[in-house]
Amino acid sequence: MATQTLKLNVKSGEKDGQNYWNRCGVVFVNTDDNGEITAITVKHSMFPGVEMVAFPKKDNNDSEVTE
């Protein structure tokens, strides 16, 4: 499994045509050996104690959906 790390930046200002950016978080994109996304995790400075996930990591390989 590979992980890509992407920086989240927010525009903090503009002066004389120059943009200024502050880092506000990080996105971790986990993929399997075929390159398919298995999990996306976001850590954001506005929510320092919260781990946000778009696709939760699974402990097993079951593709069955349960409610």
C-alpha atoms as a PDB file:
ATOM      1  CA  MET A   1       0.000   0.000   0.000  1.00  0.00           C
ATOM      2  CA  ALA A   2       1.324   3.430  -0.971  1.00  0.00           C
ATOM      3  CA  THR A   3       0.498   6.756   0.619  1.00  0.00           C
ATOM      4  CA  GLN A   4       0.495  10.153  -1.055  1.00  0.00           C
ATOM      5  CA  THR A   5       0.720  13.230   1.155  1.00  0.00           C
ATOM      6  CA  LEU A   6      -0.843  16.493  -0.030  1.00  0.00           C
ATOM      7  CA  LYS A   7      -0.547  19.870   1.702  1.00  0.00           C
ATOM      8  CA  LEU A   8      -3.654  21.953   2.361  1.00  0.00           C
ATOM      9  CA  ASN A   9      -3.037  25.683   2.063  1.00  0.00           C
ATOM     10  CA  VAL A  10      -5.329  28.642   2.616  1.00  0.00           C
ATOM     11  CA  LYS A  11      -4.801  32.009   0.968  1.00  0.00           C
ATOM     12  CA  SER A  12      -3.899  34.397   3.759  1.00  0.00           C
ATOM     13  CA  GLY A  13      -3.470  37.552   1.750  1.00  0.00           C
ATOM     14  CA  GLU A  14      -2.393  39.353  -1.363  1.00  0.00           C
ATOM     15  CA  LYS A  15      -0.094  42.331  -1.800  1.00  0.00           C
ATOM     16  CA  ASP A  16       1.265  43.860  -4.993  1.00  0.00           C
ATOM     17  CA  GLY A  17      -0.022  40.923  -7.049  1.00  0.00           C
ATOM     18  CA  GLN A  18       1.722  38.376  -4.794  1.00  0.00           C
ATOM     19  CA  ASN A  19      -0.374  35.709  -3.042  1.00  0.00           C
ATOM     20  CA  TYR A  20       0.504  34.563   0.468  1.00  0.00           C
ATOM     21  CA  TRP A  21      -0.455  31.120   1.726  1.00  0.00           C
ATOM     22  CA  ASN A  22      -0.546  29.437   5.143  1.00  0.00           C
ATOM     23  CA  ARG A  23      -0.514  25.680   5.584  1.00  0.00           C
ATOM     24  CA  CYS A  24      -3.729  24.598   7.286  1.00  0.00           C
ATOM     25  CA  GLY A  25      -3.573  20.815   7.045  1.00  0.00           C
ATOM     26  CA  VAL A  26      -2.510  17.625   5.317  1.00  0.00           C
ATOM     27  CA  VAL A  27      -4.359  15.022   3.241  1.00  0.00           C
ATOM     28  CA  PHE A  28      -3.148  11.407   3.210  1.00  0.00           C
ATOM     29  CA  VAL A  29      -4.323   9.305   0.240  1.00  0.00           C
ATOM     30  CA  ASN A  30      -3.733   5.561   0.697  1.00  0.00           C
ATOM     31  CA  THR A  31      -3.805   3.284  -2.354  1.00  0.00           C
ATOM     32  CA  ASP A  32      -3.587  -0.461  -2.861  1.00  0.00           C
ATOM     33  CA  ASP A  33      -1.114  -2.232  -5.168  1.00  0.00           C
ATOM     34  CA  ASN A  34      -3.418  -1.564  -8.147  1.00  0.00           C
ATOM     35  CA  GLY A  35      -3.441   2.174  -7.488  1.00  0.00           C
ATOM     36  CA  GLU A  36      -7.047   2.246  -6.271  1.00  0.00           C
ATOM     37  CA  ILE A  37      -7.797   4.583  -3.356  1.00  0.00           C
ATOM     38  CA  THR A  38      -8.476   2.655  -0.160  1.00  0.00           C
ATOM     39  CA  ALA A  39      -8.546   5.474   2.405  1.00  0.00           C
ATOM     40  CA  ILE A  40      -8.349   9.256   2.579  1.00  0.00           C
ATOM     41  CA  THR A  41      -7.444  10.879   5.896  1.00  0.00           C
ATOM     42  CA  VAL A  42      -7.411  14.632   6.590  1.00  0.00           C
ATOM     43  CA  LYS A  43      -5.686  16.423   9.457  1.00  0.00           C
ATOM     44  CA  HIS A  44      -6.677  20.099   9.687  1.00  0.00           C
ATOM     45  CA  SER A  45      -5.339  22.849  11.951  1.00  0.00           C
ATOM     46  CA  MET A  46      -8.878  24.048  12.797  1.00  0.00           C
ATOM     47  CA  PHE A  47      -9.639  20.596  14.238  1.00  0.00           C
ATOM     48  CA  PRO A  48      -6.330  19.456  15.808  1.00  0.00           C
ATOM     49  CA  GLY A  49      -7.784  16.546  17.793  1.00  0.00           C
ATOM     50  CA  VAL A  50     -10.058  15.212  15.037  1.00  0.00           C
ATOM     51  CA  GLU A  51      -9.079  12.677  12.390  1.00  0.00           C
ATOM     52  CA  MET A  52     -11.349  12.999   9.355  1.00  0.00           C
ATOM     53  CA  VAL A  53     -11.681  10.092   6.928  1.00  0.00           C
ATOM     54  CA  ALA A  54     -13.460   9.917   3.596  1.00  0.00           C
ATOM     55  CA  PHE A  55     -12.911   6.199   3.098  1.00  0.00           C
ATOM     56  CA  PRO A  56     -12.297   4.481   6.439  1.00  0.00           C
ATOM     57  CA  LYS A  57      -9.490   1.982   6.572  1.00  0.00           C
ATOM     58  CA  LYS A  58     -10.781  -1.575   6.750  1.00  0.00           C
ATOM     59  CA  ASP A  59      -9.348  -4.267   9.002  1.00  0.00           C
ATOM     60  CA  ASN A  60     -10.327  -7.014   6.540  1.00  0.00           C
ATOM     61  CA  ASN A  61     -10.993  -7.334   2.829  1.00  0.00           C
ATOM     62  CA  ASP A  62     -14.761  -7.838   3.033  1.00  0.00           C
ATOM     63  CA  SER A  63     -16.550  -5.938   0.312  1.00  0.00           C
ATOM     64  CA  GLU A  64     -19.941  -6.677   1.870  1.00  0.00           C
ATOM     65  CA  VAL A  65     -21.863  -3.594   2.990  1.00  0.00           C
ATOM     66  CA  THR A  66     -23.506  -3.810   6.420  1.00  0.00           C
ATOM     67  CA  GLU A  67     -25.798  -1.377   8.149  1.00  0.00           C
END
